[in-house]
Amino acid sequence: MKKWLLLLMTVGLATALAACGTSSNNSNASGDDKTLVMATSADYPPFESKDGDKIVGFDVDLAKALAKKNGYKLEIQDMDFASLVSALKTNKADIVLAGMTPTEKRKKQVDFSDIYYNATNMLVTKKDSGIQSEKDLQNKTVGAQLGSIQLDDANAMKDKYHLKVEDRNKISDLVQEIKAGRFDAAIIEDKVAAGYLKKEKDFQAFQLNSSNEGSAIAFKKNSDLTAKFNQSLKEMKKNGELDQLIEKWFVKEDK
C-alpha cells in the first residue's frame, strides 16, 4: 500500500512540476494573465519620460492603446536602456517600447513588431564647439546611450575620425557631459534631441547619416503577443489612431 501511495505521490509531483514548467513559459511577467509588463527607459522624451511619479509619452500611449485592444491591462517598469532586451529574455517584461530599433543583433534575441515610427539621428554639440558637420569630429569625444544604435554609429565613425567614444546610461547624462565640457558632442535621436535643444539654448545639432531604421515593439522570442499587437498596430495605422498619437506627441511640439 505504501509503495502504491509513494508511486501516486511521485506521479502527482511530476505532473505538477510539468504543469508549472508549462505555465512559466507562457505566463506574463506580472503573474497575472491579463496584465502585461512593459519595460522602458523613461529618459527619452517625447517617447517616454517621467512626469512626477508617472511615466508618460508616445510609447506609453501606444502601448496602452494596443494592450486595451487585446484585452490587457498595462504595468510599466522603468529601467536602463541596456537592460531592456535582457528583461524580456528573463521574463521580467512582456513587451518593450523604448524607441528601440530592430537591429539584426537584437532580432537574434527577441522578436519585433513592424516599425511604428521612423526617425533620424542628430549630432548635438554646443554652439561654440566649432563642430558644424561630421568632418569636424576629428579627434573629438563623442557620447551615446549605452546599448543604443547611436552608440553603434559612434563606434562606426571611431577610426575614420579618431574619435574617443563614451557611453552613458541616460540621455540626460549625455547632455550634462556636453554642458560640463567632457564631451564635445553626443549622438541622439532627432525628436529627443529637439526637446533638449529647446531647453539648452547654447546647444545646436545637425543630422547624421545613420543606421536608425525606426522604432518597433520588442517581444519575447515566439511570443503569441507579437502577431496580436502587430495586427492591432496595422489597424491603428489604417484608421488614423497612430497619426493622432504622432500629432499629440511630435507634430504639436514642433509648432
C-alpha atoms as a PDB file:
ATOM      1  CA  MET A   1       0.000   0.000   0.000  1.00  0.00           C
ATOM      2  CA  LYS A   2       2.823   2.345   0.910  1.00  0.00           C
ATOM      3  CA  LYS A   3       4.500   1.590  -2.421  1.00  0.00           C
ATOM      4  CA  TRP A   4       1.330   2.491  -4.323  1.00  0.00           C
ATOM      5  CA  LEU A   5       0.929   5.660  -2.266  1.00  0.00           C
ATOM      6  CA  LEU A   6       4.549   6.619  -2.947  1.00  0.00           C
ATOM      7  CA  LEU A   7       4.076   5.947  -6.657  1.00  0.00           C
ATOM      8  CA  LEU A   8       0.941   8.100  -6.799  1.00  0.00           C
ATOM      9  CA  MET A   9       2.704  10.915  -4.960  1.00  0.00           C
ATOM     10  CA  THR A  10       5.667  10.733  -7.348  1.00  0.00           C
ATOM     11  CA  VAL A  11       3.436  10.825 -10.432  1.00  0.00           C
ATOM     12  CA  GLY A  12       1.439  13.681  -8.930  1.00  0.00           C
ATOM     13  CA  LEU A  13       4.579  15.677  -8.192  1.00  0.00           C
ATOM     14  CA  ALA A  14       5.960  15.123 -11.683  1.00  0.00           C
ATOM     15  CA  THR A  15       2.677  16.237 -13.230  1.00  0.00           C
ATOM     16  CA  ALA A  16       2.602  19.341 -11.053  1.00  0.00           C
ATOM     17  CA  LEU A  17       6.173  20.233 -11.953  1.00  0.00           C
ATOM     18  CA  ALA A  18       5.457  19.755 -15.648  1.00  0.00           C
ATOM     19  CA  ALA A  19       2.404  21.969 -15.377  1.00  0.00           C
ATOM     20  CA  CYS A  20       4.423  24.630 -13.577  1.00  0.00           C
ATOM     21  CA  GLY A  21       7.048  24.500 -16.291  1.00  0.00           C
ATOM     22  CA  THR A  22       4.461  24.990 -18.983  1.00  0.00           C
ATOM     23  CA  SER A  23       2.823  27.790 -17.059  1.00  0.00           C
ATOM     24  CA  SER A  24       6.070  29.725 -16.540  1.00  0.00           C
ATOM     25  CA  ASN A  25       6.867  29.638 -20.243  1.00  0.00           C
ATOM     26  CA  ASN A  26       3.518  31.112 -21.189  1.00  0.00           C
ATOM     27  CA  SER A  27       2.717  33.303 -18.196  1.00  0.00           C
ATOM     28  CA  ASN A  28       3.034  37.070 -18.149  1.00  0.00           C
ATOM     29  CA  ALA A  29       5.851  38.773 -16.274  1.00  0.00           C
ATOM     30  CA  SER A  30       3.315  40.277 -13.848  1.00  0.00           C
ATOM     31  CA  GLY A  31       1.998  36.851 -12.843  1.00  0.00           C
ATOM     32  CA  ASP A  32      -1.460  37.979 -13.983  1.00  0.00           C
ATOM     33  CA  ASP A  33      -2.581  36.648 -17.359  1.00  0.00           C
ATOM     34  CA  LYS A  34      -4.481  39.874 -18.027  1.00  0.00           C
ATOM     35  CA  THR A  35      -1.671  42.276 -17.073  1.00  0.00           C
ATOM     36  CA  LEU A  36       1.350  42.888 -19.293  1.00  0.00           C
ATOM     37  CA  VAL A  37       4.607  44.359 -18.038  1.00  0.00           C
ATOM     38  CA  MET A  38       6.018  46.986 -20.379  1.00  0.00           C
ATOM     39  CA  ALA A  39       9.702  47.733 -19.825  1.00  0.00           C
ATOM     40  CA  THR A  40      11.029  51.110 -20.924  1.00  0.00           C
ATOM     41  CA  SER A  41      13.775  53.626 -20.238  1.00  0.00           C
ATOM     42  CA  ALA A  42      11.982  56.785 -19.151  1.00  0.00           C
ATOM     43  CA  ASP A  43      14.695  59.254 -20.139  1.00  0.00           C
ATOM     44  CA  TYR A  44      13.694  59.619 -23.782  1.00  0.00           C
ATOM     45  CA  PRO A  45      11.083  62.367 -24.227  1.00  0.00           C
ATOM     46  CA  PRO A  46       8.748  62.579 -26.071  1.00  0.00           C
ATOM     47  CA  PHE A  47       8.774  58.757 -26.393  1.00  0.00           C
ATOM     48  CA  GLU A  48       8.874  58.194 -22.621  1.00  0.00           C
ATOM     49  CA  SER A  49       9.766  60.360 -19.643  1.00  0.00           C
ATOM     50  CA  LYS A  50       8.856  60.998 -16.012  1.00  0.00           C
ATOM     51  CA  ASP A  51       6.040  63.378 -15.070  1.00  0.00           C
ATOM     52  CA  GLY A  52       6.211  63.249 -11.290  1.00  0.00           C
ATOM     53  CA  ASP A  53       5.688  59.599 -10.383  1.00  0.00           C
ATOM     54  CA  LYS A  54       4.072  58.791 -13.736  1.00  0.00           C
ATOM     55  CA  ILE A  55       5.766  57.621 -16.923  1.00  0.00           C
ATOM     56  CA  VAL A  56       4.264  59.351 -19.951  1.00  0.00           C
ATOM     57  CA  GLY A  57       4.964  59.688 -23.651  1.00  0.00           C
ATOM     58  CA  PHE A  58       4.203  58.485 -27.154  1.00  0.00           C
ATOM     59  CA  ASP A  59       5.338  54.908 -26.471  1.00  0.00           C
ATOM     60  CA  VAL A  60       3.261  54.763 -23.303  1.00  0.00           C
ATOM     61  CA  ASP A  61       0.084  55.910 -25.055  1.00  0.00           C
ATOM     62  CA  LEU A  62       0.723  53.484 -27.904  1.00  0.00           C
ATOM     63  CA  ALA A  63       1.300  50.569 -25.520  1.00  0.00           C
ATOM     64  CA  LYS A  64      -1.862  51.370 -23.557  1.00  0.00           C
ATOM     65  CA  ALA A  65      -3.928  51.508 -26.750  1.00  0.00           C
ATOM     66  CA  LEU A  66      -2.545  48.208 -28.054  1.00  0.00           C
ATOM     67  CA  ALA A  67      -2.960  46.484 -24.690  1.00  0.00           C
ATOM     68  CA  LYS A  68      -6.577  47.648 -24.399  1.00  0.00           C
ATOM     69  CA  LYS A  69      -7.398  46.430 -27.911  1.00  0.00           C
ATOM     70  CA  ASN A  70      -6.154  42.984 -26.943  1.00  0.00           C
ATOM     71  CA  GLY A  71      -7.850  42.812 -23.553  1.00  0.00           C
ATOM     72  CA  TYR A  72      -4.846  43.508 -21.326  1.00  0.00           C
ATOM     73  CA  LYS A  73      -4.015  45.927 -18.538  1.00  0.00           C
ATOM     74  CA  LEU A  74      -0.558  47.501 -18.575  1.00  0.00           C
ATOM     75  CA  GLU A  75       2.109  47.764 -15.877  1.00  0.00           C
ATOM     76  CA  ILE A  76       5.087  49.979 -16.743  1.00  0.00           C
ATOM     77  CA  GLN A  77       8.569  49.454 -15.347  1.00  0.00           C
ATOM     78  CA  ASP A  78      11.455  51.895 -15.792  1.00  0.00           C
ATOM     79  CA  MET A  79      14.998  50.553 -16.235  1.00  0.00           C
ATOM     80  CA  ASP A  80      18.255  51.324 -18.018  1.00  0.00           C
ATOM     81  CA  PHE A  81      18.009  51.020 -21.798  1.00  0.00           C
ATOM     82  CA  ALA A  82      20.855  48.492 -21.943  1.00  0.00           C
ATOM     83  CA  SER A  83      18.890  46.045 -19.743  1.00  0.00           C
ATOM     84  CA  LEU A  84      15.620  46.059 -21.738  1.00  0.00           C
ATOM     85  CA  VAL A  85      16.344  43.082 -24.009  1.00  0.00           C
ATOM     86  CA  SER A  86      17.575  41.101 -21.020  1.00  0.00           C
ATOM     87  CA  ALA A  87      14.326  41.907 -19.191  1.00  0.00           C
ATOM     88  CA  LEU A  88      12.374  40.144 -21.947  1.00  0.00           C
ATOM     89  CA  LYS A  89      14.707  37.162 -22.026  1.00  0.00           C
ATOM     90  CA  THR A  90      14.491  36.667 -18.245  1.00  0.00           C
ATOM     91  CA  ASN A  91      10.678  37.053 -18.114  1.00  0.00           C
ATOM     92  CA  LYS A  92      10.832  40.357 -16.210  1.00  0.00           C
ATOM     93  CA  ALA A  93       8.863  42.030 -19.000  1.00  0.00           C
ATOM     94  CA  ASP A  94       6.373  41.022 -21.693  1.00  0.00           C
ATOM     95  CA  ILE A  95       6.947  43.908 -24.111  1.00  0.00           C
ATOM     96  CA  VAL A  96       9.462  46.702 -24.610  1.00  0.00           C
ATOM     97  CA  LEU A  97       8.609  50.113 -26.025  1.00  0.00           C
ATOM     98  CA  ALA A  98      11.532  52.494 -25.762  1.00  0.00           C
ATOM     99  CA  GLY A  99      12.173  53.939 -29.203  1.00  0.00           C
ATOM    100  CA  MET A 100      14.040  50.694 -29.924  1.00  0.00           C
ATOM    101  CA  THR A 101      15.375  49.914 -33.398  1.00  0.00           C
ATOM    102  CA  PRO A 102      15.102  46.255 -34.518  1.00  0.00           C
ATOM    103  CA  THR A 103      18.760  45.619 -35.359  1.00  0.00           C
ATOM    104  CA  GLU A 104      19.940  42.227 -36.594  1.00  0.00           C
ATOM    105  CA  LYS A 105      21.758  41.652 -33.299  1.00  0.00           C
ATOM    106  CA  ARG A 106      18.586  42.291 -31.299  1.00  0.00           C
ATOM    107  CA  LYS A 107      16.471  40.147 -33.636  1.00  0.00           C
ATOM    108  CA  LYS A 108      18.565  37.144 -32.652  1.00  0.00           C
ATOM    109  CA  GLN A 109      17.457  37.611 -29.037  1.00  0.00           C
ATOM    110  CA  VAL A 110      13.882  38.930 -29.238  1.00  0.00           C
ATOM    111  CA  ASP A 111      11.042  39.364 -31.750  1.00  0.00           C
ATOM    112  CA  PHE A 112       9.817  42.701 -33.114  1.00  0.00           C
ATOM    113  CA  SER A 113       6.647  44.247 -34.468  1.00  0.00           C
ATOM    114  CA  ASP A 114       6.517  46.272 -37.649  1.00  0.00           C
ATOM    115  CA  ILE A 115       8.092  49.724 -37.480  1.00  0.00           C
ATOM    116  CA  TYR A 116       5.711  52.173 -35.792  1.00  0.00           C
ATOM    117  CA  TYR A 117       7.791  55.352 -36.068  1.00  0.00           C
ATOM    118  CA  ASN A 118      10.679  56.445 -38.294  1.00  0.00           C
ATOM    119  CA  ALA A 119      13.401  58.760 -37.055  1.00  0.00           C
ATOM    120  CA  THR A 120      16.908  60.009 -37.809  1.00  0.00           C
ATOM    121  CA  ASN A 121      19.941  60.704 -35.636  1.00  0.00           C
ATOM    122  CA  MET A 122      21.365  64.098 -34.756  1.00  0.00           C
ATOM    123  CA  LEU A 123      24.801  65.153 -33.568  1.00  0.00           C
ATOM    124  CA  VAL A 124      24.264  67.511 -30.620  1.00  0.00           C
ATOM    125  CA  THR A 125      27.007  69.980 -29.622  1.00  0.00           C
ATOM    126  CA  LYS A 126      27.489  73.388 -28.054  1.00  0.00           C
ATOM    127  CA  LYS A 127      27.202  76.311 -30.463  1.00  0.00           C
ATOM    128  CA  ASP A 128      30.756  77.371 -29.639  1.00  0.00           C
ATOM    129  CA  SER A 129      32.211  73.862 -30.143  1.00  0.00           C
ATOM    130  CA  GLY A 130      33.473  74.613 -33.644  1.00  0.00           C
ATOM    131  CA  ILE A 131      31.633  71.495 -34.879  1.00  0.00           C
ATOM    132  CA  GLN A 132      29.484  72.318 -37.890  1.00  0.00           C
ATOM    133  CA  SER A 133      29.488  68.994 -39.724  1.00  0.00           C
ATOM    134  CA  GLU A 134      30.608  65.396 -39.376  1.00  0.00           C
ATOM    135  CA  LYS A 135      34.096  66.182 -40.708  1.00  0.00           C
ATOM    136  CA  ASP A 136      34.714  68.480 -37.713  1.00  0.00           C
ATOM    137  CA  LEU A 137      34.638  65.484 -35.348  1.00  0.00           C
ATOM    138  CA  GLN A 138      38.335  64.735 -35.871  1.00  0.00           C
ATOM    139  CA  ASN A 139      39.926  63.775 -32.513  1.00  0.00           C
ATOM    140  CA  LYS A 140      36.751  64.697 -30.578  1.00  0.00           C
ATOM    141  CA  THR A 141      34.993  62.927 -27.702  1.00  0.00           C
ATOM    142  CA  VAL A 142      31.509  61.765 -28.674  1.00  0.00           C
ATOM    143  CA  GLY A 143      28.921  60.234 -26.360  1.00  0.00           C
ATOM    144  CA  ALA A 144      25.907  57.965 -26.906  1.00  0.00           C
ATOM    145  CA  GLN A 145      23.452  55.984 -24.788  1.00  0.00           C
ATOM    146  CA  LEU A 146      24.652  52.579 -23.640  1.00  0.00           C
ATOM    147  CA  GLY A 147      23.099  49.755 -25.678  1.00  0.00           C
ATOM    148  CA  SER A 148      21.739  52.081 -28.383  1.00  0.00           C
ATOM    149  CA  ILE A 149      22.204  52.127 -32.149  1.00  0.00           C
ATOM    150  CA  GLN A 150      23.541  55.646 -31.663  1.00  0.00           C
ATOM    151  CA  LEU A 151      26.473  54.068 -29.833  1.00  0.00           C
ATOM    152  CA  ASP A 152      26.936  51.702 -32.783  1.00  0.00           C
ATOM    153  CA  ASP A 153      27.033  54.722 -35.115  1.00  0.00           C
ATOM    154  CA  ALA A 154      29.607  56.480 -32.939  1.00  0.00           C
ATOM    155  CA  ASN A 155      31.803  53.380 -32.927  1.00  0.00           C
ATOM    156  CA  ALA A 156      31.418  53.096 -36.709  1.00  0.00           C
ATOM    157  CA  MET A 157      32.956  56.579 -37.067  1.00  0.00           C
ATOM    158  CA  LYS A 158      35.646  55.965 -34.467  1.00  0.00           C
ATOM    159  CA  ASP A 159      38.538  55.030 -36.749  1.00  0.00           C
ATOM    160  CA  LYS A 160      37.590  57.439 -39.521  1.00  0.00           C
ATOM    161  CA  TYR A 161      37.744  60.498 -37.262  1.00  0.00           C
ATOM    162  CA  HIS A 162      39.969  59.149 -34.448  1.00  0.00           C
ATOM    163  CA  LEU A 163      37.091  59.622 -32.012  1.00  0.00           C
ATOM    164  CA  LYS A 164      37.040  58.867 -28.334  1.00  0.00           C
ATOM    165  CA  VAL A 165      33.638  57.233 -27.834  1.00  0.00           C
ATOM    166  CA  GLU A 166      31.968  57.292 -24.408  1.00  0.00           C
ATOM    167  CA  ASP A 167      28.649  55.823 -23.270  1.00  0.00           C
ATOM    168  CA  ARG A 168      26.215  56.711 -20.510  1.00  0.00           C
ATOM    169  CA  ASN A 169      23.004  55.063 -19.252  1.00  0.00           C
ATOM    170  CA  LYS A 170      20.729  58.069 -19.777  1.00  0.00           C
ATOM    171  CA  ILE A 171      20.303  60.782 -22.428  1.00  0.00           C
ATOM    172  CA  SER A 172      20.244  63.397 -19.667  1.00  0.00           C
ATOM    173  CA  ASP A 173      23.713  62.192 -18.638  1.00  0.00           C
ATOM    174  CA  LEU A 174      24.983  62.830 -22.182  1.00  0.00           C
ATOM    175  CA  VAL A 175      23.604  66.364 -22.079  1.00  0.00           C
ATOM    176  CA  GLN A 176      25.275  67.039 -18.740  1.00  0.00           C
ATOM    177  CA  GLU A 177      28.607  65.783 -20.071  1.00  0.00           C
ATOM    178  CA  ILE A 178      28.379  68.200 -23.012  1.00  0.00           C
ATOM    179  CA  LYS A 179      27.496  71.073 -20.672  1.00  0.00           C
ATOM    180  CA  ALA A 180      30.459  70.195 -18.442  1.00  0.00           C
ATOM    181  CA  GLY A 181      32.813  70.118 -21.430  1.00  0.00           C
ATOM    182  CA  ARG A 182      33.735  66.465 -21.016  1.00  0.00           C
ATOM    183  CA  PHE A 183      32.016  65.520 -24.302  1.00  0.00           C
ATOM    184  CA  ASP A 184      32.381  67.533 -27.492  1.00  0.00           C
ATOM    185  CA  ALA A 185      29.149  66.076 -28.867  1.00  0.00           C
ATOM    186  CA  ALA A 186      26.589  63.299 -28.480  1.00  0.00           C
ATOM    187  CA  ILE A 187      24.522  61.315 -30.982  1.00  0.00           C
ATOM    188  CA  ILE A 188      20.820  61.489 -30.084  1.00  0.00           C
ATOM    189  CA  GLU A 189      17.614  60.606 -31.985  1.00  0.00           C
ATOM    190  CA  ASP A 190      16.087  63.657 -33.688  1.00  0.00           C
ATOM    191  CA  LYS A 191      12.828  64.060 -31.730  1.00  0.00           C
ATOM    192  CA  VAL A 192      14.609  63.519 -28.433  1.00  0.00           C
ATOM    193  CA  ALA A 193      17.364  65.947 -29.413  1.00  0.00           C
ATOM    194  CA  ALA A 194      14.734  68.547 -30.350  1.00  0.00           C
ATOM    195  CA  GLY A 195      13.373  68.523 -26.801  1.00  0.00           C
ATOM    196  CA  TYR A 196      16.793  69.225 -25.310  1.00  0.00           C
ATOM    197  CA  LEU A 197      17.564  71.926 -27.891  1.00  0.00           C
ATOM    198  CA  LYS A 198      14.517  73.840 -26.660  1.00  0.00           C
ATOM    199  CA  LYS A 199      15.882  73.771 -23.110  1.00  0.00           C
ATOM    200  CA  GLU A 200      19.579  74.240 -23.810  1.00  0.00           C
ATOM    201  CA  LYS A 201      19.813  77.483 -25.768  1.00  0.00           C
ATOM    202  CA  ASP A 202      23.581  77.211 -26.253  1.00  0.00           C
ATOM    203  CA  PHE A 203      23.200  73.818 -27.975  1.00  0.00           C
ATOM    204  CA  GLN A 204      22.946  73.076 -31.690  1.00  0.00           C
ATOM    205  CA  ALA A 205      22.513  69.915 -33.765  1.00  0.00           C
ATOM    206  CA  PHE A 206      22.817  68.600 -37.296  1.00  0.00           C
ATOM    207  CA  GLN A 207      21.622  65.413 -38.969  1.00  0.00           C
ATOM    208  CA  LEU A 208      23.843  62.382 -39.408  1.00  0.00           C
ATOM    209  CA  ASN A 209      23.723  59.522 -41.850  1.00  0.00           C
ATOM    210  CA  SER A 210      22.928  56.618 -39.575  1.00  0.00           C
ATOM    211  CA  SER A 211      21.636  53.079 -39.113  1.00  0.00           C
ATOM    212  CA  ASN A 212      18.435  54.328 -37.442  1.00  0.00           C
ATOM    213  CA  GLU A 213      15.683  52.399 -39.234  1.00  0.00           C
ATOM    214  CA  GLY A 214      12.862  53.389 -36.914  1.00  0.00           C
ATOM    215  CA  SER A 215      11.243  52.130 -33.723  1.00  0.00           C
ATOM    216  CA  ALA A 216       9.449  48.829 -33.118  1.00  0.00           C
ATOM    217  CA  ILE A 217       7.923  46.924 -30.198  1.00  0.00           C
ATOM    218  CA  ALA A 218      10.083  44.120 -28.786  1.00  0.00           C
ATOM    219  CA  PHE A 219       8.661  40.812 -27.512  1.00  0.00           C
ATOM    220  CA  LYS A 220       9.999  37.599 -26.047  1.00  0.00           C
ATOM    221  CA  LYS A 221      11.022  35.071 -28.697  1.00  0.00           C
ATOM    222  CA  ASN A 222       7.993  33.206 -30.093  1.00  0.00           C
ATOM    223  CA  SER A 223       5.548  35.241 -28.009  1.00  0.00           C
ATOM    224  CA  ASP A 224       1.939  34.993 -29.178  1.00  0.00           C
ATOM    225  CA  LEU A 225       1.668  38.723 -28.429  1.00  0.00           C
ATOM    226  CA  THR A 226       3.750  39.613 -31.488  1.00  0.00           C
ATOM    227  CA  ALA A 227       1.074  38.706 -34.043  1.00  0.00           C
ATOM    228  CA  LYS A 228      -1.745  40.159 -31.923  1.00  0.00           C
ATOM    229  CA  PHE A 229      -0.051  43.515 -31.398  1.00  0.00           C
ATOM    230  CA  ASN A 230       1.136  43.663 -34.997  1.00  0.00           C
ATOM    231  CA  GLN A 231      -2.427  43.250 -36.236  1.00  0.00           C
ATOM    232  CA  SER A 232      -3.675  45.971 -33.877  1.00  0.00           C
ATOM    233  CA  LEU A 233      -0.803  48.236 -34.923  1.00  0.00           C
ATOM    234  CA  LYS A 234      -1.810  47.819 -38.579  1.00  0.00           C
ATOM    235  CA  GLU A 235      -5.380  48.736 -37.661  1.00  0.00           C
ATOM    236  CA  MET A 236      -4.171  51.865 -35.828  1.00  0.00           C
ATOM    237  CA  LYS A 237      -2.148  52.892 -38.889  1.00  0.00           C
ATOM    238  CA  LYS A 238      -5.160  52.343 -41.153  1.00  0.00           C
ATOM    239  CA  ASN A 239      -7.809  54.074 -39.047  1.00  0.00           C
ATOM    240  CA  GLY A 240      -5.684  57.101 -38.152  1.00  0.00           C
ATOM    241  CA  GLU A 241      -5.217  56.386 -34.433  1.00  0.00           C
ATOM    242  CA  LEU A 242      -1.425  56.185 -34.798  1.00  0.00           C
ATOM    243  CA  ASP A 243      -1.362  59.507 -36.660  1.00  0.00           C
ATOM    244  CA  GLN A 244      -3.325  61.067 -33.792  1.00  0.00           C
ATOM    245  CA  LEU A 245      -0.670  59.959 -31.302  1.00  0.00           C
ATOM    246  CA  ILE A 246       2.096  61.270 -33.566  1.00  0.00           C
ATOM    247  CA  GLU A 247       0.232  64.583 -33.796  1.00  0.00           C
ATOM    248  CA  LYS A 248      -0.113  64.697 -29.998  1.00  0.00           C
ATOM    249  CA  TRP A 249       3.489  63.946 -29.103  1.00  0.00           C
ATOM    250  CA  PHE A 250       5.570  65.142 -32.068  1.00  0.00           C
ATOM    251  CA  VAL A 251       3.841  67.467 -34.506  1.00  0.00           C
ATOM    252  CA  LYS A 252       2.325  69.829 -31.936  1.00  0.00           C
ATOM    253  CA  GLU A 253       5.659  70.111 -30.148  1.00  0.00           C
ATOM    254  CA  ASP A 254       7.302  71.258 -33.384  1.00  0.00           C
ATOM    255  CA  LYS A 255       4.897  74.162 -33.867  1.00  0.00           C
END
